[in-house]
Amino acid sequence: MRLRTPRLAALAVCLFPLLWAGGAIASVPPARPGWPVLVVSGPFGPDAATLLRRAGGHEVGPRRFPIGVVGHSQDADFFDRLVHGGAILLLDAGRMTAMFCGADV
């Protein structure tokens, strides 16, 4: 019985960050067409700025974020081109910023 406790503790230590990250991502609002979008690329492939350029969008803002870039395009199929290009997440950049800063959007 003594061996089960360390195994359970190790399992909890390994699973907690994954569950926390999943919950954090699920709470961020999804992107809306016509609004700025935070493009997050996968670890193996083109970076988010390259995906944004290939999809016909342009960067918004003076700096890049560690997890991706904020971009914008008025093209109707902009999101489809980002997803087919390799973007793993498309998040609503405007509402996400307001959410983290405490604004009620």
PDB file of N, CA and C in Angstrom:
ATOM      1  N   MET A   1       0.802  -1.189   0.000  1.00  0.00           N
ATOM      2  CA  MET A   1       0.000   0.000   0.000  1.00  0.00           C
ATOM      3  C   MET A   1       0.854   1.265   0.000  1.00  0.00           C
ATOM      4  N   ARG A   2       2.041   1.170   0.492  1.00  0.00           N
ATOM      5  CA  ARG A   2       2.888   2.350   0.568  1.00  0.00           C
ATOM      6  C   ARG A   2       3.329   2.817  -0.815  1.00  0.00           C
ATOM      7  N   LEU A   3       3.414   1.922  -1.786  1.00  0.00           N
ATOM      8  CA  LEU A   3       3.861   2.297  -3.114  1.00  0.00           C
ATOM      9  C   LEU A   3       2.788   3.051  -3.906  1.00  0.00           C
ATOM     10  N   ARG A   4       1.531   2.885  -3.581  1.00  0.00           N
ATOM     11  CA  ARG A   4       0.460   3.561  -4.314  1.00  0.00           C
ATOM     12  C   ARG A   4       0.465   5.068  -4.084  1.00  0.00           C
ATOM     13  N   THR A   5       0.744   5.492  -2.901  1.00  0.00           N
ATOM     14  CA  THR A   5       0.700   6.919  -2.585  1.00  0.00           C
ATOM     15  C   THR A   5       1.702   7.721  -3.410  1.00  0.00           C
ATOM     16  N   PRO A   6       2.968   7.317  -3.526  1.00  0.00           N
ATOM     17  CA  PRO A   6       3.879   8.083  -4.391  1.00  0.00           C
ATOM     18  C   PRO A   6       3.467   8.072  -5.861  1.00  0.00           C
ATOM     19  N   ARG A   7       2.893   6.972  -6.315  1.00  0.00           N
ATOM     20  CA  ARG A   7       2.449   6.912  -7.709  1.00  0.00           C
ATOM     21  C   ARG A   7       1.281   7.858  -7.948  1.00  0.00           C
ATOM     22  N   LEU A   8       0.358   7.899  -7.023  1.00  0.00           N
ATOM     23  CA  LEU A   8      -0.770   8.822  -7.156  1.00  0.00           C
ATOM     24  C   LEU A   8      -0.305  10.274  -7.101  1.00  0.00           C
ATOM     25  N   ALA A   9       0.643  10.534  -6.224  1.00  0.00           N
ATOM     26  CA  ALA A   9       1.176  11.896  -6.126  1.00  0.00           C
ATOM     27  C   ALA A   9       1.879  12.285  -7.424  1.00  0.00           C
ATOM     28  N   ALA A  10       2.649  11.378  -8.001  1.00  0.00           N
ATOM     29  CA  ALA A  10       3.340  11.661  -9.254  1.00  0.00           C
ATOM     30  C   ALA A  10       2.342  11.865 -10.389  1.00  0.00           C
ATOM     31  N   LEU A  11       1.292  11.064 -10.412  1.00  0.00           N
ATOM     32  CA  LEU A  11       0.262  11.222 -11.432  1.00  0.00           C
ATOM     33  C   LEU A  11      -0.435  12.576 -11.297  1.00  0.00           C
ATOM     34  N   ALA A  12      -0.745  12.967 -10.072  1.00  0.00           N
ATOM     35  CA  ALA A  12      -1.391  14.263  -9.841  1.00  0.00           C
ATOM     36  C   ALA A  12      -0.478  15.421 -10.257  1.00  0.00           C
ATOM     37  N   VAL A  13       0.802  15.309  -9.964  1.00  0.00           N
ATOM     38  CA  VAL A  13       1.753  16.366 -10.328  1.00  0.00           C
ATOM     39  C   VAL A  13       1.867  16.479 -11.850  1.00  0.00           C
ATOM     40  N   CYS A  14       1.792  15.361 -12.550  1.00  0.00           N
ATOM     41  CA  CYS A  14       1.892  15.388 -14.014  1.00  0.00           C
ATOM     42  C   CYS A  14       0.600  15.865 -14.672  1.00  0.00           C
ATOM     43  N   LEU A  15      -0.552  15.482 -14.134  1.00  0.00           N
ATOM     44  CA  LEU A  15      -1.822  15.829 -14.766  1.00  0.00           C
ATOM     45  C   LEU A  15      -2.310  17.231 -14.442  1.00  0.00           C
ATOM     46  N   PHE A  16      -1.967  17.766 -13.288  1.00  0.00           N
ATOM     47  CA  PHE A  16      -2.474  19.080 -12.906  1.00  0.00           C
ATOM     48  C   PHE A  16      -2.128  20.173 -13.920  1.00  0.00           C
ATOM     49  N   PRO A  17      -0.884  20.307 -14.374  1.00  0.00           N
ATOM     50  CA  PRO A  17      -0.594  21.365 -15.357  1.00  0.00           C
ATOM     51  C   PRO A  17      -1.368  21.191 -16.664  1.00  0.00           C
ATOM     52  N   LEU A  18      -1.561  19.951 -17.089  1.00  0.00           N
ATOM     53  CA  LEU A  18      -2.306  19.713 -18.328  1.00  0.00           C
ATOM     54  C   LEU A  18      -3.772  20.115 -18.174  1.00  0.00           C
ATOM     55  N   LEU A  19      -4.377  19.756 -17.061  1.00  0.00           N
ATOM     56  CA  LEU A  19      -5.764  20.128 -16.815  1.00  0.00           C
ATOM     57  C   LEU A  19      -5.921  21.636 -16.659  1.00  0.00           C
ATOM     58  N   TRP A  20      -4.968  22.256 -15.981  1.00  0.00           N
ATOM     59  CA  TRP A  20      -5.023  23.705 -15.795  1.00  0.00           C
ATOM     60  C   TRP A  20      -4.895  24.418 -17.139  1.00  0.00           C
ATOM     61  N   ALA A  21      -3.962  23.992 -17.970  1.00  0.00           N
ATOM     62  CA  ALA A  21      -3.773  24.626 -19.283  1.00  0.00           C
ATOM     63  C   ALA A  21      -5.008  24.433 -20.155  1.00  0.00           C
ATOM     64  N   GLY A  22      -5.602  23.255 -20.125  1.00  0.00           N
ATOM     65  CA  GLY A  22      -6.818  23.008 -20.897  1.00  0.00           C
ATOM     66  C   GLY A  22      -7.961  23.902 -20.454  1.00  0.00           C
ATOM     67  N   GLY A  23      -8.113  24.079 -19.161  1.00  0.00           N
ATOM     68  CA  GLY A  23      -9.154  24.971 -18.640  1.00  0.00           C
ATOM     69  C   GLY A  23      -8.907  26.417 -19.000  1.00  0.00           C
ATOM     70  N   ALA A  24      -7.655  26.835 -18.966  1.00  0.00           N
ATOM     71  CA  ALA A  24      -7.323  28.219 -19.318  1.00  0.00           C
ATOM     72  C   ALA A  24      -7.613  28.490 -20.788  1.00  0.00           C
ATOM     73  N   ILE A  25      -7.273  27.569 -21.657  1.00  0.00           N
ATOM     74  CA  ILE A  25      -7.522  27.742 -23.088  1.00  0.00           C
ATOM     75  C   ILE A  25      -9.021  27.715 -23.378  1.00  0.00           C
ATOM     76  N   ALA A  26      -9.739  26.840 -22.685  1.00  0.00           N
ATOM     77  CA  ALA A  26     -11.188  26.744 -22.911  1.00  0.00           C
ATOM     78  C   ALA A  26     -11.927  28.003 -22.473  1.00  0.00           C
ATOM     79  N   SER A  27     -11.367  28.762 -21.525  1.00  0.00           N
ATOM     80  CA  SER A  27     -12.041  29.966 -21.036  1.00  0.00           C
ATOM     81  C   SER A  27     -11.806  31.184 -21.925  1.00  0.00           C
ATOM     82  N   VAL A  28     -10.851  31.109 -22.846  1.00  0.00           N
ATOM     83  CA  VAL A  28     -10.562  32.232 -23.736  1.00  0.00           C
ATOM     84  C   VAL A  28     -11.572  32.213 -24.881  1.00  0.00           C
ATOM     85  N   PRO A  29     -12.168  33.359 -25.209  1.00  0.00           N
ATOM     86  CA  PRO A  29     -13.192  33.381 -26.253  1.00  0.00           C
ATOM     87  C   PRO A  29     -12.627  33.047 -27.643  1.00  0.00           C
ATOM     88  N   PRO A  30     -13.397  32.311 -28.452  1.00  0.00           N
ATOM     89  CA  PRO A  30     -12.938  31.995 -29.815  1.00  0.00           C
ATOM     90  C   PRO A  30     -12.946  33.237 -30.702  1.00  0.00           C
ATOM     91  N   ALA A  31     -12.215  33.172 -31.770  1.00  0.00           N
ATOM     92  CA  ALA A  31     -12.088  34.305 -32.691  1.00  0.00           C
ATOM     93  C   ALA A  31     -13.400  34.562 -33.429  1.00  0.00           C
ATOM     94  N   ARG A  32     -13.606  35.830 -33.790  1.00  0.00           N
ATOM     95  CA  ARG A  32     -14.774  36.239 -34.573  1.00  0.00           C
ATOM     96  C   ARG A  32     -14.289  36.819 -35.893  1.00  0.00           C
ATOM     97  N   PRO A  33     -14.944  36.478 -36.998  1.00  0.00           N
ATOM     98  CA  PRO A  33     -14.539  37.032 -38.298  1.00  0.00           C
ATOM     99  C   PRO A  33     -14.637  38.558 -38.303  1.00  0.00           C
ATOM    100  N   GLY A  34     -13.646  39.199 -38.891  1.00  0.00           N
ATOM    101  CA  GLY A  34     -13.632  40.649 -38.997  1.00  0.00           C
ATOM    102  C   GLY A  34     -13.000  41.360 -37.817  1.00  0.00           C
ATOM    103  N   TRP A  35     -12.606  40.626 -36.788  1.00  0.00           N
ATOM    104  CA  TRP A  35     -11.981  41.205 -35.604  1.00  0.00           C
ATOM    105  C   TRP A  35     -10.538  40.726 -35.505  1.00  0.00           C
ATOM    106  N   PRO A  36      -9.685  41.417 -34.728  1.00  0.00           N
ATOM    107  CA  PRO A  36      -8.306  40.938 -34.554  1.00  0.00           C
ATOM    108  C   PRO A  36      -8.278  39.548 -33.928  1.00  0.00           C
ATOM    109  N   VAL A  37      -7.356  38.743 -34.391  1.00  0.00           N
ATOM    110  CA  VAL A  37      -7.258  37.353 -33.955  1.00  0.00           C
ATOM    111  C   VAL A  37      -5.837  37.076 -33.475  1.00  0.00           C
ATOM    112  N   LEU A  38      -5.724  36.308 -32.384  1.00  0.00           N
ATOM    113  CA  LEU A  38      -4.428  35.843 -31.919  1.00  0.00           C
ATOM    114  C   LEU A  38      -4.187  34.489 -32.566  1.00  0.00           C
ATOM    115  N   VAL A  39      -3.152  34.409 -33.384  1.00  0.00           N
ATOM    116  CA  VAL A  39      -2.819  33.183 -34.119  1.00  0.00           C
ATOM    117  C   VAL A  39      -1.729  32.449 -33.353  1.00  0.00           C
ATOM    118  N   VAL A  40      -2.006  31.205 -32.981  1.00  0.00           N
ATOM    119  CA  VAL A  40      -1.044  30.366 -32.279  1.00  0.00           C
ATOM    120  C   VAL A  40      -0.695  29.206 -33.205  1.00  0.00           C
ATOM    121  N   SER A  41       0.597  29.047 -33.487  1.00  0.00           N
ATOM    122  CA  SER A  41       1.031  27.981 -34.388  1.00  0.00           C
ATOM    123  C   SER A  41       1.524  26.784 -33.594  1.00  0.00           C
ATOM    124  N   GLY A  42       1.642  25.663 -34.285  1.00  0.00           N
ATOM    125  CA  GLY A  42       2.143  24.448 -33.658  1.00  0.00           C
ATOM    126  C   GLY A  42       3.647  24.515 -33.456  1.00  0.00           C
ATOM    127  N   PRO A  43       4.184  23.608 -32.653  1.00  0.00           N
ATOM    128  CA  PRO A  43       5.626  23.638 -32.376  1.00  0.00           C
ATOM    129  C   PRO A  43       6.492  23.184 -33.543  1.00  0.00           C
ATOM    130  N   PHE A  44       5.920  22.406 -34.448  1.00  0.00           N
ATOM    131  CA  PHE A  44       6.687  21.875 -35.572  1.00  0.00           C
ATOM    132  C   PHE A  44       6.068  22.365 -36.868  1.00  0.00           C
ATOM    133  N   GLY A  45       6.572  23.437 -37.375  1.00  0.00           N
ATOM    134  CA  GLY A  45       6.027  24.007 -38.602  1.00  0.00           C
ATOM    135  C   GLY A  45       6.308  25.491 -38.645  1.00  0.00           C
ATOM    136  N   PRO A  46       5.650  26.191 -39.554  1.00  0.00           N
ATOM    137  CA  PRO A  46       5.886  27.626 -39.666  1.00  0.00           C
ATOM    138  C   PRO A  46       5.407  28.369 -38.422  1.00  0.00           C
ATOM    139  N   ASP A  47       6.079  29.477 -38.130  1.00  0.00           N
ATOM    140  CA  ASP A  47       5.665  30.271 -36.974  1.00  0.00           C
ATOM    141  C   ASP A  47       4.382  31.038 -37.299  1.00  0.00           C
ATOM    142  N   ALA A  48       3.787  31.637 -36.270  1.00  0.00           N
ATOM    143  CA  ALA A  48       2.490  32.293 -36.416  1.00  0.00           C
ATOM    144  C   ALA A  48       2.549  33.472 -37.382  1.00  0.00           C
ATOM    145  N   ALA A  49       3.652  34.223 -37.392  1.00  0.00           N
ATOM    146  CA  ALA A  49       3.770  35.366 -38.296  1.00  0.00           C
ATOM    147  C   ALA A  49       3.789  34.907 -39.753  1.00  0.00           C
ATOM    148  N   THR A  50       4.450  33.803 -40.030  1.00  0.00           N
ATOM    149  CA  THR A  50       4.481  33.257 -41.382  1.00  0.00           C
ATOM    150  C   THR A  50       3.092  32.779 -41.798  1.00  0.00           C
ATOM    151  N   LEU A  51       2.393  32.093 -40.895  1.00  0.00           N
ATOM    152  CA  LEU A  51       1.030  31.652 -41.194  1.00  0.00           C
ATOM    153  C   LEU A  51       0.120  32.838 -41.487  1.00  0.00           C
ATOM    154  N   LEU A  52       0.271  33.892 -40.719  1.00  0.00           N
ATOM    155  CA  LEU A  52      -0.551  35.087 -40.904  1.00  0.00           C
ATOM    156  C   LEU A  52      -0.303  35.715 -42.277  1.00  0.00           C
ATOM    157  N   ARG A  53       0.957  35.851 -42.663  1.00  0.00           N
ATOM    158  CA  ARG A  53       1.285  36.420 -43.973  1.00  0.00           C
ATOM    159  C   ARG A  53       0.767  35.548 -45.114  1.00  0.00           C
ATOM    160  N   ARG A  54       0.944  34.229 -44.991  1.00  0.00           N
ATOM    161  CA  ARG A  54       0.485  33.314 -46.044  1.00  0.00           C
ATOM    162  C   ARG A  54      -1.033  33.343 -46.207  1.00  0.00           C
ATOM    163  N   ALA A  55      -1.746  33.614 -45.115  1.00  0.00           N
ATOM    164  CA  ALA A  55      -3.214  33.643 -45.168  1.00  0.00           C
ATOM    165  C   ALA A  55      -3.746  34.985 -45.657  1.00  0.00           C
ATOM    166  N   GLY A  56      -2.871  35.949 -45.880  1.00  0.00           N
ATOM    167  CA  GLY A  56      -3.293  37.245 -46.395  1.00  0.00           C
ATOM    168  C   GLY A  56      -3.625  38.263 -45.326  1.00  0.00           C
ATOM    169  N   GLY A  57      -3.202  38.019 -44.100  1.00  0.00           N
ATOM    170  CA  GLY A  57      -3.455  38.965 -43.015  1.00  0.00           C
ATOM    171  C   GLY A  57      -2.251  39.841 -42.743  1.00  0.00           C
ATOM    172  N   HIS A  58      -2.430  40.795 -41.844  1.00  0.00           N
ATOM    173  CA  HIS A  58      -1.322  41.660 -41.438  1.00  0.00           C
ATOM    174  C   HIS A  58      -1.286  41.740 -39.917  1.00  0.00           C
ATOM    175  N   GLU A  59      -0.089  41.961 -39.384  1.00  0.00           N
ATOM    176  CA  GLU A  59       0.082  42.029 -37.935  1.00  0.00           C
ATOM    177  C   GLU A  59      -0.502  43.317 -37.389  1.00  0.00           C
ATOM    178  N   VAL A  60      -1.041  43.224 -36.172  1.00  0.00           N
ATOM    179  CA  VAL A  60      -1.620  44.356 -35.479  1.00  0.00           C
ATOM    180  C   VAL A  60      -0.833  44.560 -34.189  1.00  0.00           C
ATOM    181  N   GLY A  61      -0.471  45.778 -33.913  1.00  0.00           N
ATOM    182  CA  GLY A  61       0.229  46.068 -32.660  1.00  0.00           C
ATOM    183  C   GLY A  61       1.720  46.224 -32.842  1.00  0.00           C
ATOM    184  N   PRO A  62       2.352  46.828 -31.859  1.00  0.00           N
ATOM    185  CA  PRO A  62       3.782  47.121 -31.956  1.00  0.00           C
ATOM    186  C   PRO A  62       4.700  45.959 -31.625  1.00  0.00           C
ATOM    187  N   ARG A  63       4.173  44.873 -31.015  1.00  0.00           N
ATOM    188  CA  ARG A  63       5.057  43.776 -30.627  1.00  0.00           C
ATOM    189  C   ARG A  63       4.356  42.439 -30.775  1.00  0.00           C
ATOM    190  N   ARG A  64       5.173  41.384 -30.740  1.00  0.00           N
ATOM    191  CA  ARG A  64       4.643  40.022 -30.828  1.00  0.00           C
ATOM    192  C   ARG A  64       4.552  39.431 -29.426  1.00  0.00           C
ATOM    193  N   PHE A  65       3.637  38.504 -29.265  1.00  0.00           N
ATOM    194  CA  PHE A  65       3.474  37.806 -28.006  1.00  0.00           C
ATOM    195  C   PHE A  65       4.255  36.504 -28.050  1.00  0.00           C
ATOM    196  N   PRO A  66       4.662  35.970 -26.903  1.00  0.00           N
ATOM    197  CA  PRO A  66       5.438  34.715 -26.908  1.00  0.00           C
ATOM    198  C   PRO A  66       4.676  33.532 -27.492  1.00  0.00           C
ATOM    199  N   ILE A  67       3.350  33.527 -27.391  1.00  0.00           N
ATOM    200  CA  ILE A  67       2.595  32.367 -27.870  1.00  0.00           C
ATOM    201  C   ILE A  67       2.094  32.525 -29.299  1.00  0.00           C
ATOM    202  N   GLY A  68       2.151  33.718 -29.864  1.00  0.00           N
ATOM    203  CA  GLY A  68       1.656  33.925 -31.219  1.00  0.00           C
ATOM    204  C   GLY A  68       1.669  35.387 -31.604  1.00  0.00           C
ATOM    205  N   VAL A  69       0.960  35.708 -32.681  1.00  0.00           N
ATOM    206  CA  VAL A  69       0.876  37.089 -33.152  1.00  0.00           C
ATOM    207  C   VAL A  69      -0.592  37.483 -33.309  1.00  0.00           C
ATOM    208  N   VAL A  70      -0.841  38.769 -33.144  1.00  0.00           N
ATOM    209  CA  VAL A  70      -2.183  39.307 -33.352  1.00  0.00           C
ATOM    210  C   VAL A  70      -2.237  39.822 -34.782  1.00  0.00           C
ATOM    211  N   GLY A  71      -3.259  39.391 -35.511  1.00  0.00           N
ATOM    212  CA  GLY A  71      -3.393  39.786 -36.903  1.00  0.00           C
ATOM    213  C   GLY A  71      -4.832  40.087 -37.262  1.00  0.00           C
ATOM    214  N   HIS A  72      -5.001  40.577 -38.500  1.00  0.00           N
ATOM    215  CA  HIS A  72      -6.333  40.974 -38.959  1.00  0.00           C
ATOM    216  C   HIS A  72      -6.396  40.849 -40.471  1.00  0.00           C
ATOM    217  N   SER A  73      -7.582  40.522 -40.961  1.00  0.00           N
ATOM    218  CA  SER A  73      -7.863  40.514 -42.389  1.00  0.00           C
ATOM    219  C   SER A  73      -9.370  40.594 -42.568  1.00  0.00           C
ATOM    220  N   GLN A  74      -9.805  41.260 -43.626  1.00  0.00           N
ATOM    221  CA  GLN A  74     -11.223  41.358 -43.937  1.00  0.00           C
ATOM    222  C   GLN A  74     -11.684  40.257 -44.892  1.00  0.00           C
ATOM    223  N   ASP A  75     -10.766  39.412 -45.341  1.00  0.00           N
ATOM    224  CA  ASP A  75     -11.127  38.335 -46.272  1.00  0.00           C
ATOM    225  C   ASP A  75     -12.057  37.338 -45.601  1.00  0.00           C
ATOM    226  N   ALA A  76     -13.047  36.865 -46.345  1.00  0.00           N
ATOM    227  CA  ALA A  76     -14.047  35.951 -45.801  1.00  0.00           C
ATOM    228  C   ALA A  76     -13.457  34.590 -45.429  1.00  0.00           C
ATOM    229  N   ASP A  77     -12.465  34.125 -46.176  1.00  0.00           N
ATOM    230  CA  ASP A  77     -11.895  32.803 -45.905  1.00  0.00           C
ATOM    231  C   ASP A  77     -10.571  32.867 -45.138  1.00  0.00           C
ATOM    232  N   PHE A  78     -10.350  33.959 -44.425  1.00  0.00           N
ATOM    233  CA  PHE A  78      -9.109  34.168 -43.677  1.00  0.00           C
ATOM    234  C   PHE A  78      -8.894  33.067 -42.630  1.00  0.00           C
ATOM    235  N   PHE A  79      -9.930  32.753 -41.856  1.00  0.00           N
ATOM    236  CA  PHE A  79      -9.799  31.726 -40.815  1.00  0.00           C
ATOM    237  C   PHE A  79      -9.507  30.362 -41.425  1.00  0.00           C
ATOM    238  N   ASP A  80     -10.178  30.040 -42.519  1.00  0.00           N
ATOM    239  CA  ASP A  80      -9.945  28.752 -43.171  1.00  0.00           C
ATOM    240  C   ASP A  80      -8.502  28.626 -43.649  1.00  0.00           C
ATOM    241  N   ARG A  81      -7.969  29.698 -44.215  1.00  0.00           N
ATOM    242  CA  ARG A  81      -6.575  29.656 -44.685  1.00  0.00           C
ATOM    243  C   ARG A  81      -5.605  29.509 -43.521  1.00  0.00           C
ATOM    244  N   LEU A  82      -5.899  30.141 -42.373  1.00  0.00           N
ATOM    245  CA  LEU A  82      -5.032  29.987 -41.208  1.00  0.00           C
ATOM    246  C   LEU A  82      -5.041  28.556 -40.693  1.00  0.00           C
ATOM    247  N   VAL A  83      -6.221  27.975 -40.592  1.00  0.00           N
ATOM    248  CA  VAL A  83      -6.331  26.598 -40.088  1.00  0.00           C
ATOM    249  C   VAL A  83      -5.659  25.626 -41.045  1.00  0.00           C
ATOM    250  N   HIS A  84      -5.892  25.766 -42.342  1.00  0.00           N
ATOM    251  CA  HIS A  84      -5.262  24.870 -43.321  1.00  0.00           C
ATOM    252  C   HIS A  84      -3.760  25.097 -43.399  1.00  0.00           C
ATOM    253  N   GLY A  85      -3.303  26.286 -43.029  1.00  0.00           N
ATOM    254  CA  GLY A  85      -1.879  26.573 -43.036  1.00  0.00           C
ATOM    255  C   GLY A  85      -1.133  25.992 -41.850  1.00  0.00           C
ATOM    256  N   GLY A  86      -1.864  25.643 -40.770  1.00  0.00           N
ATOM    257  CA  GLY A  86      -1.203  25.024 -39.623  1.00  0.00           C
ATOM    258  C   GLY A  86      -1.441  25.700 -38.285  1.00  0.00           C
ATOM    259  N   ALA A  87      -2.312  26.694 -38.212  1.00  0.00           N
ATOM    260  CA  ALA A  87      -2.601  27.333 -36.921  1.00  0.00           C
ATOM    261  C   ALA A  87      -3.368  26.359 -36.037  1.00  0.00           C
ATOM    262  N   ILE A  88      -2.959  26.252 -34.766  1.00  0.00           N
ATOM    263  CA  ILE A  88      -3.643  25.319 -33.869  1.00  0.00           C
ATOM    264  C   ILE A  88      -4.711  26.011 -33.029  1.00  0.00           C
ATOM    265  N   LEU A  89      -4.588  27.322 -32.836  1.00  0.00           N
ATOM    266  CA  LEU A  89      -5.586  28.083 -32.084  1.00  0.00           C
ATOM    267  C   LEU A  89      -5.800  29.439 -32.733  1.00  0.00           C
ATOM    268  N   LEU A  90      -7.057  29.852 -32.807  1.00  0.00           N
ATOM    269  CA  LEU A  90      -7.420  31.193 -33.251  1.00  0.00           C
ATOM    270  C   LEU A  90      -8.294  31.786 -32.154  1.00  0.00           C
ATOM    271  N   LEU A  91      -7.772  32.788 -31.466  1.00  0.00           N
ATOM    272  CA  LEU A  91      -8.463  33.366 -30.323  1.00  0.00           C
ATOM    273  C   LEU A  91      -8.807  34.819 -30.586  1.00  0.00           C
ATOM    274  N   ASP A  92      -9.897  35.279 -30.009  1.00  0.00           N
ATOM    275  CA  ASP A  92     -10.350  36.659 -30.150  1.00  0.00           C
ATOM    276  C   ASP A  92      -9.411  37.573 -29.370  1.00  0.00           C
ATOM    277  N   ALA A  93      -8.567  38.292 -30.075  1.00  0.00           N
ATOM    278  CA  ALA A  93      -7.536  39.106 -29.428  1.00  0.00           C
ATOM    279  C   ALA A  93      -8.135  40.266 -28.630  1.00  0.00           C
ATOM    280  N   GLY A  94      -9.166  40.903 -29.140  1.00  0.00           N
ATOM    281  CA  GLY A  94      -9.760  42.032 -28.437  1.00  0.00           C
ATOM    282  C   GLY A  94     -10.442  41.632 -27.145  1.00  0.00           C
ATOM    283  N   ARG A  95     -11.264  40.606 -27.190  1.00  0.00           N
ATOM    284  CA  ARG A  95     -11.962  40.160 -25.990  1.00  0.00           C
ATOM    285  C   ARG A  95     -11.020  39.488 -25.007  1.00  0.00           C
ATOM    286  N   MET A  96      -9.975  38.827 -25.507  1.00  0.00           N
ATOM    287  CA  MET A  96      -9.028  38.186 -24.623  1.00  0.00           C
ATOM    288  C   MET A  96      -8.272  39.227 -23.807  1.00  0.00           C
ATOM    289  N   THR A  97      -7.842  40.294 -24.450  1.00  0.00           N
ATOM    290  CA  THR A  97      -7.142  41.361 -23.731  1.00  0.00           C
ATOM    291  C   THR A  97      -8.047  41.982 -22.688  1.00  0.00           C
ATOM    292  N   ALA A  98      -9.290  42.239 -23.058  1.00  0.00           N
ATOM    293  CA  ALA A  98     -10.237  42.821 -22.103  1.00  0.00           C
ATOM    294  C   ALA A  98     -10.488  41.870 -20.940  1.00  0.00           C
ATOM    295  N   MET A  99     -10.537  40.570 -21.222  1.00  0.00           N
ATOM    296  CA  MET A  99     -10.781  39.584 -20.170  1.00  0.00           C
ATOM    297  C   MET A  99      -9.639  39.574 -19.166  1.00  0.00           C
ATOM    298  N   PHE A 100      -8.397  39.617 -19.654  1.00  0.00           N
ATOM    299  CA  PHE A 100      -7.248  39.584 -18.761  1.00  0.00           C
ATOM    300  C   PHE A 100      -7.049  40.893 -18.014  1.00  0.00           C
ATOM    301  N   CYS A 101      -7.526  41.995 -18.583  1.00  0.00           N
ATOM    302  CA  CYS A 101      -7.371  43.302 -17.934  1.00  0.00           C
ATOM    303  C   CYS A 101      -8.546  43.635 -17.025  1.00  0.00           C
ATOM    304  N   GLY A 102      -9.543  42.773 -16.979  1.00  0.00           N
ATOM    305  CA  GLY A 102     -10.652  42.977 -16.071  1.00  0.00           C
ATOM    306  C   GLY A 102     -11.814  43.762 -16.633  1.00  0.00           C
ATOM    307  N   ALA A 103     -11.814  44.059 -17.919  1.00  0.00           N
ATOM    308  CA  ALA A 103     -12.935  44.783 -18.521  1.00  0.00           C
ATOM    309  C   ALA A 103     -14.076  43.819 -18.753  1.00  0.00           C
ATOM    310  N   ASP A 104     -15.291  44.335 -18.735  1.00  0.00           N
ATOM    311  CA  ASP A 104     -16.481  43.527 -18.949  1.00  0.00           C
ATOM    312  C   ASP A 104     -16.931  43.689 -20.393  1.00  0.00           C
ATOM    313  N   VAL A 105     -16.540  42.716 -21.244  1.00  0.00           N
ATOM    314  CA  VAL A 105     -16.858  42.811 -22.685  1.00  0.00           C
ATOM    315  C   VAL A 105     -17.892  41.782 -23.045  1.00  0.00           C
TER     316      VAL A 105
END
